[in-house]
Amino acid sequence: MLLGKSSKAPLGGGFAADGAARTCRRLVSATAEVSALTVKNLEVVYDNVILVLRGVSLEVPRGKIIALLGANGAGKTTLLRAITGLLVVHEGEISRGEVTMDGESIHRLTPPSIVRRGITQVFEGRRIFAELTVTENLRVGGYRNPGQLSDNLERVYSLFPVLKDRRGSVAGYLSGGEQQMLAMGRALMSNPRYLLLDEPSLGLAPQLVQQIRELILEINRQGTSVLLVEQNARMALEISEHGYIMETGRIVMDKASSELREDDDIKEFYLGLHQGDERKSFREVKHYKRRKRWLS
């Protein structure tokens, strides 16, 4: 009898252990599924009349760089405004769909609340405070974490040594590349989990574009997820894991970046290449001779 009882105990314990393990795996899997910035079937209207986004869905998983490509007017900046709560400033509103961060709905929150939850945006055109010094600009970005201000300043200065050298300079006198670094550094002062970059290489010399590229990779290596909106499709697809193509307010293509780089349409219409990977003239790219397959 005693032997029988002792032989059954491990069996029951084994089932209990297996059940606990399965439960743990389900919890881990569920956590992994919600650990993302997610846009679901989003529609955005301006002035209650102009429909700009038409059922847009995308996902930025934690720890990844995601590229969003599209021509001017495609709706990329509007999507960023919808994520960060800034549509109201431009008389826009979300008419359908939702934005969630790590499983929590955020699209009805105010911009400060969204920043507190860990999302920051670097605007196209940099938008620094030109009359303030470099350090003052950075301090503005760190307003929500006053207790971590010194540590965050050191982090930014380690990422952007030129800002440390110019920390007492008036921001308006910085070069274009330095101003872009300042805008990125200011956004990082709030320790974001998700960083939204709107055209960070716009107007920069090729050498500075390469610096920005390396900085985005380093920021991501330090644990910040990145949604990268870029006209420089080649750079964006080189450093991102996944890419979305947006046209006229819709996502028309959604693939791994490695696949997008090899797609004939992307080569022709976004990378300026045709068969044989030869570069086309701007005029040939601008005046499409072949209809895009996703419009067929």
Protein backbone atom coordinates (compact mmCIF):
# COMPACT_ATOMS: atom_id res chain seq x y z
CA MET A 1 0.00 0.00 0.00
CA LEU A 2 2.73 2.43 1.03
CA LEU A 3 4.73 1.54 -2.04
CA GLY A 4 1.67 2.09 -4.24
CA LYS A 5 1.02 5.53 -2.76
CA SER A 6 4.62 6.59 -3.18
CA SER A 7 4.64 5.44 -6.80
CA LYS A 8 1.53 7.51 -7.61
CA ALA A 9 2.79 10.73 -6.04
CA PRO A 10 5.46 11.47 -8.64
CA LEU A 11 2.97 10.72 -11.41
CA GLY A 12 0.53 13.35 -10.14
CA GLY A 13 3.37 15.76 -9.52
CA GLY A 14 4.54 15.19 -13.08
CA PHE A 15 1.12 16.10 -14.49
CA ALA A 16 1.00 19.18 -12.26
CA ALA A 17 4.46 20.23 -13.39
CA ASP A 18 3.54 19.70 -17.05
CA GLY A 19 0.37 21.74 -16.59
CA ALA A 20 2.27 24.54 -14.91
CA ALA A 21 4.83 24.51 -17.71
CA ARG A 22 2.10 24.70 -20.36
CA THR A 23 0.43 27.57 -18.52
CA CYS A 24 3.75 29.39 -18.27
CA ARG A 25 4.36 28.93 -22.00
CA ARG A 26 0.90 30.28 -22.80
CA LEU A 27 1.52 33.32 -20.60
CA VAL A 28 4.89 33.96 -22.23
CA SER A 29 3.32 33.57 -25.68
CA ALA A 30 0.47 35.91 -24.80
CA THR A 31 2.92 38.48 -23.46
CA ALA A 32 4.98 38.25 -26.64
CA GLU A 33 1.84 38.78 -28.74
CA VAL A 34 0.84 42.01 -26.98
CA SER A 35 4.37 43.44 -26.62
CA ALA A 36 3.99 45.63 -29.66
CA LEU A 37 2.73 48.94 -30.94
CA THR A 38 -0.24 47.96 -33.09
CA VAL A 39 -2.47 49.88 -35.47
CA LYS A 40 -5.70 48.12 -36.43
CA ASN A 41 -7.96 49.11 -39.34
CA LEU A 42 -7.35 52.80 -38.77
CA GLU A 43 -9.32 55.48 -40.58
CA VAL A 44 -8.53 59.18 -40.14
CA VAL A 45 -10.60 62.14 -41.30
CA TYR A 46 -9.60 65.83 -41.46
CA ASP A 47 -12.20 68.57 -41.04
CA ASN A 48 -14.92 65.87 -40.95
CA VAL A 49 -14.58 65.66 -44.73
CA ILE A 50 -11.20 64.47 -46.03
CA LEU A 51 -10.59 60.75 -45.52
CA VAL A 52 -6.81 60.30 -45.40
CA LEU A 53 -6.19 56.87 -43.86
CA ARG A 54 -8.31 54.01 -45.15
CA GLY A 55 -8.15 50.91 -42.97
CA VAL A 56 -4.43 51.01 -42.13
CA SER A 57 -2.99 48.17 -40.05
CA LEU A 58 0.62 47.63 -39.01
CA GLU A 59 2.65 46.36 -36.07
CA VAL A 60 5.92 47.40 -34.44
CA PRO A 61 7.11 44.49 -32.25
CA ARG A 62 9.22 45.25 -29.21
CA GLY A 63 12.91 45.48 -30.02
CA LYS A 64 12.47 45.77 -33.80
CA ILE A 65 12.96 48.42 -36.49
CA ILE A 66 9.99 48.68 -38.84
CA ALA A 67 10.08 50.75 -42.04
CA LEU A 68 7.14 52.66 -43.48
CA LEU A 69 7.66 53.83 -47.06
CA GLY A 70 5.49 55.88 -49.37
CA ALA A 71 5.37 58.92 -51.59
CA ASN A 72 4.58 62.42 -50.34
CA GLY A 73 0.92 62.64 -49.44
CA ALA A 74 0.51 58.90 -48.88
CA GLY A 75 -0.56 59.42 -45.27
CA LYS A 76 2.60 58.48 -43.38
CA THR A 77 2.77 61.59 -41.20
CA THR A 78 -0.96 61.37 -40.53
CA LEU A 79 -0.42 57.84 -39.23
CA LEU A 80 2.27 59.08 -36.84
CA ARG A 81 -0.03 61.85 -35.63
CA ALA A 82 -2.75 59.27 -34.97
CA ILE A 83 -0.35 57.18 -32.89
CA THR A 84 0.95 60.11 -30.83
CA GLY A 85 -2.42 61.83 -30.30
CA LEU A 86 -1.55 64.94 -32.33
CA LEU A 87 -4.38 64.74 -34.84
CA VAL A 88 -6.45 67.19 -32.83
CA VAL A 89 -3.86 69.92 -33.44
CA HIS A 90 -4.46 69.51 -37.18
CA GLU A 91 -8.27 69.21 -36.94
CA GLY A 92 -8.17 65.50 -37.61
CA GLU A 93 -9.73 62.57 -35.82
CA ILE A 94 -9.80 58.79 -35.83
CA SER A 95 -13.15 57.72 -37.24
CA ARG A 96 -12.56 53.96 -37.07
CA GLY A 97 -10.02 51.47 -35.75
CA GLU A 98 -7.65 51.66 -32.81
CA VAL A 99 -4.04 52.00 -31.71
CA THR A 100 -2.73 49.78 -28.93
CA MET A 101 0.58 49.67 -27.10
CA ASP A 102 1.48 46.39 -25.40
CA GLY A 103 -2.20 45.43 -25.44
CA GLU A 104 -3.52 48.74 -24.05
CA SER A 105 -5.73 50.99 -26.19
CA ILE A 106 -4.12 54.45 -26.46
CA HIS A 107 -5.80 56.21 -29.38
CA ARG A 108 -8.15 58.20 -27.14
CA LEU A 109 -5.39 59.39 -24.81
CA THR A 110 -3.86 62.87 -24.78
CA PRO A 111 -0.34 63.38 -26.21
CA PRO A 112 1.25 63.79 -22.73
CA SER A 113 -0.35 60.53 -21.59
CA ILE A 114 0.99 58.73 -24.66
CA VAL A 115 4.49 60.07 -23.98
CA ARG A 116 4.25 58.88 -20.38
CA ARG A 117 3.41 55.40 -21.63
CA GLY A 118 6.59 55.31 -23.69
CA ILE A 119 6.01 56.66 -27.21
CA THR A 120 7.85 59.67 -28.62
CA GLN A 121 8.09 61.16 -32.09
CA VAL A 122 10.86 62.96 -33.94
CA PHE A 123 9.12 65.27 -36.40
CA GLU A 124 9.99 65.83 -40.01
CA GLY A 125 12.02 69.03 -40.25
CA ARG A 126 13.47 68.51 -36.75
CA ARG A 127 11.33 71.13 -34.92
CA ILE A 128 13.92 72.01 -32.29
CA PHE A 129 13.70 75.12 -30.10
CA ALA A 130 16.07 77.30 -32.08
CA GLU A 131 16.47 79.99 -29.37
CA LEU A 132 17.42 77.51 -26.64
CA THR A 133 20.79 75.89 -26.10
CA VAL A 134 21.45 72.22 -26.82
CA THR A 135 21.23 71.32 -23.14
CA GLU A 136 18.01 73.30 -22.67
CA ASN A 137 16.43 71.48 -25.62
CA LEU A 138 17.37 68.16 -24.08
CA ARG A 139 16.04 69.15 -20.67
CA VAL A 140 12.69 69.95 -22.27
CA GLY A 141 12.59 66.40 -23.59
CA GLY A 142 13.28 65.02 -20.12
CA TYR A 143 10.55 66.91 -18.30
CA ARG A 144 8.59 63.78 -17.38
CA ASN A 145 11.56 62.07 -15.73
CA PRO A 146 13.22 64.78 -13.61
CA GLY A 147 14.79 62.19 -11.31
CA GLN A 148 16.58 60.57 -14.28
CA LEU A 149 17.60 63.80 -15.99
CA SER A 150 21.33 63.45 -15.35
CA ASP A 151 21.45 59.80 -16.40
CA ASN A 152 19.43 60.49 -19.54
CA LEU A 153 21.67 63.42 -20.46
CA GLU A 154 24.71 61.18 -20.15
CA ARG A 155 23.06 58.55 -22.34
CA VAL A 156 22.26 61.10 -25.04
CA TYR A 157 25.73 62.62 -24.88
CA SER A 158 27.28 59.16 -25.22
CA LEU A 159 25.14 58.50 -28.32
CA PHE A 160 25.76 61.96 -29.79
CA PRO A 161 29.22 63.19 -28.68
CA VAL A 162 28.89 66.25 -30.91
CA LEU A 163 25.96 67.42 -28.77
CA LYS A 164 28.12 67.24 -25.66
CA ASP A 165 30.76 69.35 -27.41
CA ARG A 166 28.06 71.87 -28.43
CA ARG A 167 25.93 71.67 -25.29
CA GLY A 168 26.17 75.40 -24.59
CA SER A 169 25.53 76.45 -28.20
CA VAL A 170 22.26 77.97 -29.36
CA ALA A 171 20.42 75.23 -31.26
CA GLY A 172 19.50 77.45 -34.19
CA TYR A 173 23.18 77.77 -35.11
CA LEU A 174 23.78 74.01 -35.37
CA SER A 175 24.22 72.33 -38.74
CA GLY A 176 21.35 70.34 -40.22
CA GLY A 177 22.88 67.05 -39.14
CA GLU A 178 23.51 68.33 -35.61
CA GLN A 179 19.94 69.59 -35.36
CA GLN A 180 18.64 66.16 -36.42
CA MET A 181 20.77 64.54 -33.72
CA LEU A 182 19.42 67.05 -31.21
CA ALA A 183 15.83 66.24 -32.19
CA MET A 184 16.52 62.52 -31.77
CA GLY A 185 18.33 63.10 -28.48
CA ARG A 186 15.47 65.19 -27.14
CA ALA A 187 13.03 62.36 -27.91
CA LEU A 188 15.28 59.86 -26.14
CA MET A 189 15.31 61.97 -22.97
CA SER A 190 11.94 60.47 -22.00
CA ASN A 191 13.26 56.87 -22.21
CA PRO A 192 10.74 55.80 -24.86
CA ARG A 193 9.92 52.18 -25.56
CA TYR A 194 8.81 53.15 -29.08
CA LEU A 195 10.51 55.87 -31.13
CA LEU A 196 8.74 57.22 -34.23
CA LEU A 197 11.13 58.82 -36.72
CA ASP A 198 9.66 60.97 -39.51
CA GLU A 199 12.16 61.44 -42.34
CA PRO A 200 15.34 61.62 -40.20
CA SER A 201 17.66 61.75 -43.23
CA LEU A 202 15.74 64.48 -45.06
CA GLY A 203 18.03 67.16 -46.48
CA LEU A 204 21.23 65.65 -45.09
CA ALA A 205 24.47 64.98 -46.93
CA PRO A 206 25.26 61.30 -47.68
CA GLN A 207 27.91 61.14 -44.96
CA LEU A 208 25.44 62.41 -42.37
CA VAL A 209 22.79 59.99 -43.61
CA GLN A 210 25.22 57.18 -42.83
CA GLN A 211 25.72 58.58 -39.31
CA ILE A 212 21.97 58.74 -38.74
CA ARG A 213 21.68 55.17 -39.99
CA GLU A 214 24.23 53.93 -37.45
CA LEU A 215 22.59 55.94 -34.67
CA ILE A 216 19.19 54.37 -35.36
CA LEU A 217 20.76 50.92 -35.18
CA GLU A 218 22.49 51.76 -31.88
CA ILE A 219 19.30 53.18 -30.37
CA ASN A 220 17.53 49.97 -31.31
CA ARG A 221 20.34 47.85 -29.86
CA GLN A 222 19.82 49.65 -26.56
CA GLY A 223 16.24 48.37 -26.45
CA THR A 224 14.09 51.01 -28.17
CA SER A 225 11.70 49.87 -30.90
CA VAL A 226 11.66 52.11 -33.97
CA LEU A 227 9.02 52.96 -36.56
CA LEU A 228 11.02 54.57 -39.35
CA VAL A 229 9.25 56.72 -41.94
CA GLU A 230 11.74 57.39 -44.73
CA GLN A 231 12.00 58.59 -48.32
CA ASN A 232 15.44 56.98 -48.41
CA ALA A 233 14.02 53.52 -49.09
CA ARG A 234 17.41 51.90 -49.55
CA MET A 235 18.62 52.90 -46.10
CA ALA A 236 15.31 52.08 -44.43
CA LEU A 237 15.11 48.58 -45.89
CA GLU A 238 18.75 47.86 -45.03
CA ILE A 239 18.30 48.43 -41.30
CA SER A 240 14.69 47.35 -40.72
CA GLU A 241 13.34 43.86 -40.20
CA HIS A 242 9.95 44.43 -41.79
CA GLY A 243 8.52 47.02 -44.14
CA TYR A 244 5.16 48.48 -45.11
CA ILE A 245 4.39 50.36 -48.32
CA MET A 246 1.68 53.02 -48.08
CA GLU A 247 -0.09 54.67 -50.99
CA THR A 248 -3.14 56.95 -50.93
CA GLY A 249 -3.88 56.12 -47.31
CA ARG A 250 -3.67 52.34 -47.63
CA ILE A 251 -1.04 49.71 -46.91
CA VAL A 252 -0.47 48.13 -50.33
CA MET A 253 2.42 45.84 -49.43
CA ASP A 254 3.61 44.26 -46.20
CA LYS A 255 6.70 42.02 -46.24
CA ALA A 256 10.04 41.31 -44.61
CA SER A 257 12.51 44.03 -45.60
CA SER A 258 14.76 41.45 -47.25
CA GLU A 259 11.87 40.46 -49.53
CA LEU A 260 10.97 44.06 -50.30
CA ARG A 261 14.54 44.74 -51.39
CA GLU A 262 14.19 42.00 -54.01
CA ASP A 263 10.68 42.92 -55.16
CA ASP A 264 10.65 44.21 -58.75
CA ASP A 265 8.06 46.89 -58.03
CA ILE A 266 9.98 48.19 -55.03
CA LYS A 267 13.21 48.20 -57.01
CA GLU A 268 11.64 50.21 -59.80
CA PHE A 269 9.36 52.61 -57.95
CA TYR A 270 11.24 53.12 -54.65
CA LEU A 271 14.89 52.21 -55.28
CA GLY A 272 15.11 53.58 -58.83
CA LEU A 273 16.32 50.29 -60.30
CA HIS A 274 15.16 48.14 -63.20
CA GLN A 275 16.15 44.69 -64.43
CA GLY A 276 19.82 44.08 -63.82
CA ASP A 277 19.75 46.44 -60.82
CA GLU A 278 20.76 49.36 -63.03
CA ARG A 279 19.79 52.78 -61.79
CA LYS A 280 17.11 54.69 -63.70
CA SER A 281 17.03 58.41 -64.29
CA PHE A 282 14.77 60.45 -62.03
CA ARG A 283 12.51 61.28 -64.99
CA GLU A 284 11.97 57.60 -65.80
CA VAL A 285 11.15 56.81 -62.19
CA LYS A 286 8.87 59.82 -61.84
CA HIS A 287 6.86 59.07 -64.98
CA TYR A 288 5.96 55.44 -64.44
CA LYS A 289 5.98 53.41 -67.64
CA ARG A 290 4.71 50.23 -65.99
CA ARG A 291 1.64 49.96 -63.80
CA LYS A 292 2.38 48.81 -60.28
CA ARG A 293 1.22 45.26 -59.75
CA TRP A 294 -0.64 46.14 -56.55
CA LEU A 295 -2.81 48.54 -58.58
CA SER A 296 -3.65 45.96 -61.25
